[in-house]
Amino acid sequence: MWKLRKTWVDITLLGCVALISALQFGLFPVLFHPSWTGAVALAIVAALTEPLHYGLMHESMHGNLLPGESWNRRGGRALGIALGLPWETMRFGHLAHHGFNRHDFDRPESLAPGQSRAIAAVAYYFKLVIGNAVAYAIVPFLVMIPNSAMKWVLENVDRNPETAPLRMAAYRAFTNPPRRRAVQFDLTTILAFDALALWLWGPWWPAFIASIVARWFMLSLLDNAPHYGMPLDSGLNARNTRIARWASWLVLNQNFHDVHHHNPQLHWRDLPGAFAQSAKSYDGSWFGALLRQFRGPMALN
């Protein structure tokens, strides 16, 4: 009964994000007369509900969104298309984050010995405000080039021996024909939906672009917040932070990020109970964790 109840809650939340996505991708100018007030309101709603949208996609990555692998994958792919981020590549990156927490691509704030903080800060703040999402959107296009070219890119994008196993795992994953075709289909669908949205918005197309930027800003801002400043050898550890009960639904309890890392199989509604039983304490507030990142790059132990 509890499992069925959780599924219906998730389906209801899926309906909410589907409606917001439909408005974003052209239903808004069809139903309402576009205005700057409406455009700003849509961008704000897109930003505020991005944690919910990605949170549902995140549940699908762990097989917790819908009953059955097939439906779970379909739901996740639909959510990814609406974010402009193919599910297969996002899932690979997220599971790598769980398996190799704080790897070289997973610690943007880390300042290498002798590295200029000013120079590092330029790249860091770009990633923080939108660059993470931009990278997630661009990297999947590697499946559009021959496998040999993909291998060359992955071998040369970063020569750090630490990331070699991860890069080769990515090569094996995305030269797999079914997975490669899935990403190619999702990318084609994303571009088709973007073109349709631009046509439906007409002269108000900047409103659509603003809603995308708002979502990607929030996604990038949230990406590393629970791990910012933590030691390189933190392993499964992350931060559990406080957030208002009503807001916990918008982030699907991912303020309990340490609990999630230690129990990635748990459904989001089970995280508060697991935290209560863990005897662990809060590490500040969720909003504080977001703001802490603006301290910039730092040397990590």
Foldseek 3Di string as FASTA:
>chain_A
DVLVVLQVVLVVLLVVVVVLLVCLLFVVVVVDPDDPVVLVVSLVVLLLLLLVLVLLLLCLLLPRHHPDVVVSQVSNQVSCLSLLAGSLLVSLVVVVCLVQPLFPVHALQADDVPHDQVVSQVVSVVLQQFVVVVCRNPVLCLLVDDLVVLLVCLCPVDVPPRCVVVSVVVSVQCVPVVSSVSSVVSNVSSVVSLVSSCVSCDVNSVSSVSSSSSSSRSCSLPRCLQPHQPASPCRLATFQADDDPVSCSSNLNCSLVSQCSVPVNDGSVCSVVSVVVVPDDGDYHPVVSSVVPVVGHDHHD
